[in-house]
Amino acid sequence: MLRNLNDLNGKKFSINLLPDENGLIGRQCPIETCESYFKIKPGTGIMGEEYLMRCPYCGVRSENNELATPEQIEYAKSLVMQEVQKALRQDLKEWGRSIERSTRRSFIRIKTHFKSSLIPVEHYDERDLETIVICKTCALEYSIFGKFSFCPCCGDANVLQILRANLELVQKLISLALREENVDIKESLLLNSLEDVVSSFDSFGRNTVRLFVRNTPLEGSEVSFQSISKAREKIRKEFGFDFCNGLVEENWREIIACFGKRHLIAHNDGTIDQKYIDTTQDFRAEVGRQISVSSGEITKLTIAIERIGRQLQSGLSNWKDQFNKGTDEDGKQE
């Protein structure tokens, strides 16, 4: 809804925006470096009329009345102009009747006639987007280009939801492996489970970084999470926090070992090499032997990865909020 629109007489009125077939209304980020389009469903989430809404792409917060799209503004203008035109026409009719009454008994009588057509309304259709998301935290329903985003209402990044869903699928795969009697099939399921955990975390980490660095000096920065130790160091260096904070050394070594095993599975047909032993400090392993993976260590890895994922997102969120706060004070954003 667009509010506080005035006609020429100072009258205030509201204009209801037109939702799409799914009940979603278009919004557009007002930040010049973004100006990205998204849609929300009114009545979902926890927002009020004065709630600051976060752009799902760049994360900058803006007042709801700053998010109108160009099409919505033209639509609103055309409705306002119609109301103005109606008011002017009514004023002219009243003026004409007054003139007619004042000259009714005069030597020269004046008749007035006013004719005009109303300015047409600039109707519009909301644009189609790729993905409809329902936020797990605040239940806002919104639609975006692509897949990864911030919730416009509560600000949660949906990449963590996607990671959790992938880890849940891994747990189902582990359960299936535990029920499997064929040893070769069981081993294959466990190896695939380990690969899925690391691949899911790598995708989560890469896309989380891309999401939070948008519209910052670090936009374009890429961090690979297939080597978790290198990713940990790079995040420390570039963003100033440790996403493994609070993790005991024993758990960290277990994570390093699992990532090392995944590397062997993906790039060395599961055969142990010296680099694996040096990296993981697993001196019980023997070069040339096949790596083994247990359901227990994969389960422990999924729990650790979910925790690490939360800390990575939280740390990047704090970093982005500090960046936005700094640019707000300089008057460059929001």
Protein backbone atom coordinates (compact mmCIF):
# COMPACT_ATOMS: atom_id res chain seq x y z
CA MET A 1 0.00 0.00 0.00
CA LEU A 2 1.24 3.48 -0.87
CA ARG A 3 0.29 6.07 1.74
CA ASN A 4 0.20 9.87 2.15
CA LEU A 5 -0.53 10.69 -1.47
CA ASN A 6 -2.04 14.17 -1.79
CA ASP A 7 -4.31 15.70 -4.42
CA LEU A 8 -4.27 19.43 -5.17
CA ASN A 9 -6.67 20.14 -2.32
CA GLY A 10 -4.36 18.55 0.25
CA LYS A 11 -6.58 15.49 0.63
CA LYS A 12 -4.77 12.34 1.76
CA PHE A 13 -5.68 8.85 0.60
CA SER A 14 -4.18 5.37 0.21
CA ILE A 15 -3.61 3.28 -2.90
CA ASN A 16 -3.72 -0.50 -2.75
CA LEU A 17 -1.02 -2.16 -4.86
CA LEU A 18 -1.90 -5.02 -7.18
CA PRO A 19 -0.60 -8.46 -6.11
CA ASP A 20 0.33 -11.23 -8.54
CA GLU A 21 -1.55 -14.52 -8.88
CA ASN A 22 0.19 -15.83 -5.71
CA GLY A 23 -0.74 -12.78 -3.63
CA LEU A 24 2.80 -11.36 -3.75
CA ILE A 25 3.56 -7.64 -4.16
CA GLY A 26 6.70 -6.34 -5.87
CA ARG A 27 9.37 -4.39 -3.99
CA GLN A 28 12.64 -2.84 -5.21
CA CYS A 29 15.78 -2.04 -3.23
CA PRO A 30 16.28 1.77 -3.21
CA ILE A 31 20.08 1.54 -2.95
CA GLU A 32 21.55 2.76 -6.24
CA THR A 33 24.20 0.04 -6.37
CA CYS A 34 21.55 -2.68 -5.98
CA GLU A 35 18.01 -1.71 -7.13
CA SER A 36 17.10 -5.41 -7.21
CA TYR A 37 13.52 -6.61 -7.48
CA PHE A 38 11.76 -9.03 -5.13
CA LYS A 39 8.23 -9.76 -3.92
CA ILE A 40 6.61 -10.32 -0.52
CA LYS A 41 3.21 -11.62 0.57
CA PRO A 42 1.37 -9.15 2.84
CA GLY A 43 0.07 -10.73 6.04
CA THR A 44 3.01 -13.12 6.40
CA GLY A 45 6.06 -12.54 8.59
CA ILE A 46 6.04 -10.13 11.55
CA MET A 47 6.25 -6.78 9.78
CA GLY A 48 4.15 -3.73 10.54
CA GLU A 49 3.69 -0.76 8.26
CA GLU A 50 6.69 1.08 9.76
CA TYR A 51 8.95 -2.00 9.85
CA LEU A 52 12.40 -1.66 8.26
CA MET A 53 12.61 -4.22 5.45
CA ARG A 54 15.89 -5.83 4.44
CA CYS A 55 16.78 -6.24 0.78
CA PRO A 56 17.08 -10.03 0.20
CA TYR A 57 20.05 -9.50 -2.12
CA CYS A 58 22.30 -6.85 -0.53
CA GLY A 59 20.96 -6.91 3.06
CA VAL A 60 20.47 -3.14 3.42
CA ARG A 61 17.38 -2.14 5.43
CA SER A 62 14.92 0.49 4.21
CA GLU A 63 11.52 1.82 5.17
CA ASN A 64 8.60 0.12 3.45
CA ASN A 65 7.52 3.29 1.63
CA GLU A 66 10.97 3.51 -0.02
CA LEU A 67 10.57 0.16 -1.79
CA ALA A 68 8.00 0.97 -4.48
CA THR A 69 8.91 -0.16 -7.99
CA PRO A 70 8.90 2.31 -10.94
CA GLU A 71 5.77 0.58 -12.30
CA GLN A 72 3.96 0.95 -8.98
CA ILE A 73 4.90 4.63 -8.80
CA GLU A 74 3.54 5.27 -12.30
CA TYR A 75 0.36 3.40 -11.39
CA ALA A 76 -0.03 5.49 -8.23
CA LYS A 77 0.65 8.72 -10.12
CA SER A 78 -2.00 7.90 -12.70
CA LEU A 79 -4.58 7.23 -9.96
CA VAL A 80 -3.64 10.47 -8.21
CA MET A 81 -3.93 12.42 -11.45
CA GLN A 82 -7.36 10.94 -12.04
CA GLU A 83 -8.44 12.10 -8.59
CA VAL A 84 -6.95 15.54 -9.25
CA GLN A 85 -8.69 15.69 -12.60
CA LYS A 86 -12.03 14.74 -11.03
CA ALA A 87 -11.59 17.42 -8.37
CA LEU A 88 -10.70 20.07 -10.97
CA ARG A 89 -13.63 19.11 -13.14
CA GLN A 90 -15.96 19.39 -10.15
CA ASP A 91 -14.51 22.81 -9.30
CA LEU A 92 -14.97 23.99 -12.89
CA LYS A 93 -18.57 22.80 -12.92
CA GLU A 94 -19.27 24.68 -9.72
CA TRP A 95 -17.60 27.77 -11.18
CA GLY A 96 -19.68 27.45 -14.37
CA ARG A 97 -22.94 27.13 -12.44
CA SER A 98 -21.99 30.20 -10.43
CA ILE A 99 -21.36 32.19 -13.62
CA GLU A 100 -24.68 31.04 -15.08
CA ARG A 101 -26.59 32.05 -11.95
CA SER A 102 -24.94 35.48 -11.82
CA THR A 103 -25.81 36.25 -15.48
CA ARG A 104 -29.26 34.70 -15.54
CA ARG A 105 -31.05 38.11 -15.61
CA SER A 106 -28.30 40.05 -17.32
CA PHE A 107 -28.38 41.49 -20.82
CA ILE A 108 -25.70 38.96 -21.71
CA ARG A 109 -26.32 35.49 -20.37
CA ILE A 110 -23.42 33.05 -20.13
CA LYS A 111 -23.75 29.30 -20.52
CA THR A 112 -20.87 27.00 -19.63
CA HIS A 113 -20.05 23.53 -20.80
CA PHE A 114 -17.09 21.46 -19.65
CA LYS A 115 -16.04 18.20 -21.28
CA SER A 116 -12.93 16.08 -20.71
CA SER A 117 -11.80 12.46 -20.64
CA LEU A 118 -10.04 10.99 -17.61
CA ILE A 119 -6.33 10.27 -17.75
CA PRO A 120 -5.91 6.47 -18.19
CA VAL A 121 -4.60 4.38 -15.29
CA GLU A 122 -1.11 2.95 -15.82
CA HIS A 123 -1.82 -0.69 -14.99
CA TYR A 124 1.10 -3.07 -14.44
CA ASP A 125 1.90 -6.74 -13.82
CA GLU A 126 4.41 -7.92 -11.23
CA ARG A 127 7.46 -9.62 -12.74
CA ASP A 128 8.07 -13.36 -12.59
CA LEU A 129 10.82 -14.59 -10.23
CA GLU A 130 12.58 -17.93 -9.91
CA THR A 131 12.16 -18.94 -6.27
CA ILE A 132 9.42 -18.62 -3.65
CA VAL A 133 10.79 -18.86 -0.10
CA ILE A 134 8.98 -19.27 3.22
CA CYS A 135 11.26 -18.14 6.05
CA LYS A 136 11.64 -20.78 8.74
CA THR A 137 12.18 -18.10 11.39
CA CYS A 138 9.38 -15.56 10.86
CA ALA A 139 7.16 -17.31 8.22
CA LEU A 140 7.42 -14.46 5.69
CA GLU A 141 6.65 -15.65 2.17
CA TYR A 142 8.74 -13.92 -0.46
CA SER A 143 10.06 -14.42 -3.98
CA ILE A 144 13.51 -13.74 -5.43
CA PHE A 145 15.79 -14.19 -8.43
CA GLY A 146 18.18 -17.08 -7.84
CA LYS A 147 18.14 -19.16 -4.67
CA PHE A 148 20.18 -17.54 -1.90
CA SER A 149 18.90 -14.52 0.00
CA PHE A 150 18.22 -12.65 3.23
CA CYS A 151 14.71 -12.74 4.65
CA PRO A 152 13.29 -9.22 4.07
CA CYS A 153 11.51 -9.43 7.43
CA CYS A 154 13.84 -10.97 10.03
CA GLY A 155 17.09 -10.82 8.06
CA ASP A 156 17.96 -14.52 8.31
CA ALA A 157 19.96 -15.83 5.35
CA ASN A 158 18.28 -18.86 3.80
CA VAL A 159 21.61 -20.50 2.94
CA LEU A 160 21.66 -21.94 6.47
CA GLN A 161 18.20 -23.45 5.93
CA ILE A 162 19.48 -25.08 2.74
CA LEU A 163 22.56 -26.45 4.54
CA ARG A 164 20.39 -27.93 7.31
CA ALA A 165 18.10 -29.56 4.76
CA ASN A 166 21.11 -31.12 3.00
CA LEU A 167 22.52 -32.41 6.30
CA GLU A 168 19.15 -33.98 7.09
CA LEU A 169 19.32 -35.82 3.77
CA VAL A 170 22.78 -37.08 4.72
CA GLN A 171 21.40 -38.49 7.97
CA LYS A 172 18.75 -40.35 5.97
CA LEU A 173 21.47 -41.73 3.72
CA ILE A 174 23.42 -42.91 6.78
CA SER A 175 20.31 -44.63 8.16
CA LEU A 176 19.87 -46.37 4.83
CA ALA A 177 23.50 -47.53 4.92
CA LEU A 178 23.12 -48.94 8.43
CA ARG A 179 20.20 -51.10 7.25
CA GLU A 180 22.09 -52.34 4.19
CA GLU A 181 23.42 -55.92 4.42
CA ASN A 182 25.61 -55.78 1.33
CA VAL A 183 29.03 -54.60 2.51
CA ASP A 184 30.02 -52.93 -0.77
CA ILE A 185 26.74 -51.02 -1.06
CA LYS A 186 26.95 -49.99 2.60
CA GLU A 187 30.48 -48.66 2.11
CA SER A 188 29.46 -46.78 -1.04
CA LEU A 189 26.54 -45.12 0.77
CA LEU A 190 28.82 -43.98 3.59
CA LEU A 191 31.43 -42.62 1.20
CA ASN A 192 28.72 -40.74 -0.68
CA SER A 193 27.40 -39.39 2.62
CA LEU A 194 30.81 -37.96 3.52
CA GLU A 195 31.17 -36.37 0.08
CA ASP A 196 27.69 -34.84 0.40
CA VAL A 197 28.50 -33.24 3.79
CA VAL A 198 31.66 -31.56 2.49
CA SER A 199 30.04 -30.51 -0.82
CA SER A 200 27.04 -29.06 1.01
CA PHE A 201 29.27 -27.09 3.37
CA ASP A 202 31.40 -25.83 0.49
CA SER A 203 28.29 -24.63 -1.37
CA PHE A 204 26.90 -23.09 1.81
CA GLY A 205 30.16 -21.31 2.63
CA ARG A 206 30.74 -19.94 -0.87
CA ASN A 207 27.19 -18.64 -1.24
CA THR A 208 27.08 -17.22 2.29
CA VAL A 209 30.19 -15.17 1.61
CA ARG A 210 28.84 -14.01 -1.77
CA LEU A 211 25.57 -12.96 -0.16
CA PHE A 212 27.09 -10.92 2.66
CA VAL A 213 29.84 -9.19 0.65
CA ARG A 214 27.42 -7.84 -1.94
CA ASN A 215 27.60 -4.03 -2.16
CA THR A 216 30.77 -3.91 -0.04
CA PRO A 217 34.44 -3.37 -1.00
CA LEU A 218 34.88 -7.17 -0.73
CA GLU A 219 32.27 -7.93 -3.39
CA GLY A 220 33.72 -10.53 -5.72
CA SER A 221 35.72 -12.23 -2.95
CA GLU A 222 35.67 -16.01 -3.28
CA VAL A 223 36.37 -18.46 -0.48
CA SER A 224 36.59 -22.19 -1.12
CA PHE A 225 35.49 -24.35 1.82
CA GLN A 226 36.67 -27.70 0.47
CA SER A 227 39.81 -27.11 2.53
CA ILE A 228 38.24 -26.04 5.80
CA SER A 229 41.56 -25.04 7.39
CA LYS A 230 42.40 -22.65 4.51
CA ALA A 231 38.84 -21.25 4.60
CA ARG A 232 39.11 -20.72 8.36
CA GLU A 233 42.31 -18.73 7.95
CA LYS A 234 40.97 -16.64 5.06
CA ILE A 235 37.79 -15.74 6.95
CA ARG A 236 39.89 -14.72 9.96
CA LYS A 237 42.07 -12.52 7.77
CA GLU A 238 39.38 -10.84 5.65
CA PHE A 239 36.44 -10.63 8.09
CA GLY A 240 38.07 -10.71 11.51
CA PHE A 241 36.35 -13.67 13.18
CA ASP A 242 36.81 -17.41 13.67
CA PHE A 243 33.87 -19.56 12.55
CA CYS A 244 35.32 -22.47 14.57
CA ASN A 245 35.43 -20.49 17.80
CA GLY A 246 34.78 -22.72 20.82
CA LEU A 247 35.66 -25.92 18.97
CA VAL A 248 37.99 -28.15 21.02
CA GLU A 249 41.20 -29.36 19.37
CA GLU A 250 40.08 -32.99 19.26
CA ASN A 251 36.92 -32.09 17.33
CA TRP A 252 38.93 -29.90 14.96
CA ARG A 253 41.30 -32.80 14.18
CA GLU A 254 38.29 -35.05 13.50
CA ILE A 255 36.88 -32.49 11.07
CA ILE A 256 40.25 -32.15 9.31
CA ALA A 257 40.43 -35.94 8.99
CA CYS A 258 36.94 -36.16 7.46
CA PHE A 259 37.71 -33.41 4.95
CA GLY A 260 40.98 -35.19 4.11
CA LYS A 261 39.14 -38.46 3.54
CA ARG A 262 36.65 -36.72 1.30
CA HIS A 263 39.56 -35.31 -0.75
CA LEU A 264 40.97 -38.82 -1.21
CA ILE A 265 37.57 -40.16 -2.26
CA ALA A 266 37.06 -37.38 -4.80
CA HIS A 267 40.59 -37.11 -6.19
CA ASN A 268 42.54 -40.29 -5.39
CA ASP A 269 39.96 -43.07 -5.62
CA GLY A 270 39.97 -43.34 -1.82
CA THR A 271 43.65 -44.35 -1.66
CA ILE A 272 45.72 -42.93 1.22
CA ASP A 273 48.74 -40.82 0.23
CA GLN A 274 51.46 -39.10 2.25
CA LYS A 275 49.82 -35.67 1.91
CA TYR A 276 46.74 -37.01 3.73
CA ILE A 277 48.87 -38.30 6.61
CA ASP A 278 50.83 -35.04 6.86
CA THR A 279 47.66 -32.91 6.77
CA THR A 280 45.57 -34.92 9.20
CA GLN A 281 48.38 -36.22 11.45
CA ASP A 282 46.64 -39.62 11.21
CA PHE A 283 49.76 -41.72 11.71
CA ARG A 284 47.73 -44.93 11.93
CA ALA A 285 46.96 -44.58 8.22
CA GLU A 286 49.21 -46.36 5.70
CA VAL A 287 50.10 -45.03 2.25
CA GLY A 288 48.46 -47.12 -0.49
CA ARG A 289 45.67 -48.49 1.70
CA GLN A 290 42.02 -47.66 1.12
CA ILE A 291 40.45 -45.10 3.39
CA SER A 292 37.64 -46.24 5.69
CA VAL A 293 34.67 -44.15 6.86
CA SER A 294 32.29 -44.92 9.73
CA SER A 295 28.70 -43.77 10.19
CA GLY A 296 29.61 -42.36 13.60
CA GLU A 297 32.28 -39.98 12.34
CA ILE A 298 29.99 -38.71 9.56
CA THR A 299 27.21 -38.09 12.08
CA LYS A 300 29.62 -36.18 14.33
CA LEU A 301 30.77 -34.21 11.29
CA THR A 302 27.20 -33.17 10.38
CA ILE A 303 26.66 -31.87 13.93
CA ALA A 304 29.92 -29.93 13.82
CA ILE A 305 29.22 -28.54 10.34
CA GLU A 306 25.79 -27.27 11.39
CA ARG A 307 27.40 -25.45 14.33
CA ILE A 308 30.21 -24.06 12.18
CA GLY A 309 27.66 -22.94 9.59
CA ARG A 310 25.69 -21.02 12.21
CA GLN A 311 28.85 -19.30 13.43
CA LEU A 312 29.95 -18.44 9.89
CA GLN A 313 26.60 -16.85 9.10
CA SER A 314 26.45 -15.03 12.45
CA GLY A 315 29.97 -13.66 12.03
CA LEU A 316 29.31 -12.45 8.48
CA SER A 317 25.99 -10.94 9.57
CA ASN A 318 27.71 -8.94 12.32
CA TRP A 319 30.41 -7.89 9.85
CA LYS A 320 27.78 -6.73 7.33
CA ASP A 321 25.80 -4.85 9.98
CA GLN A 322 28.95 -3.00 11.03
CA PHE A 323 29.68 -2.15 7.41
CA ASN A 324 26.12 -0.87 6.87
CA LYS A 325 26.29 1.11 10.11
CA GLY A 326 29.50 2.76 9.01
CA THR A 327 28.13 3.71 5.61
CA ASP A 328 24.90 4.97 7.22
CA GLU A 329 26.90 7.36 9.40
CA ASP A 330 28.66 8.67 6.29
CA GLY A 331 25.35 9.09 4.55
CA LYS A 332 26.28 6.81 1.68
CA GLN A 333 23.63 4.12 2.12
CA GLU A 334 20.06 3.85 3.39
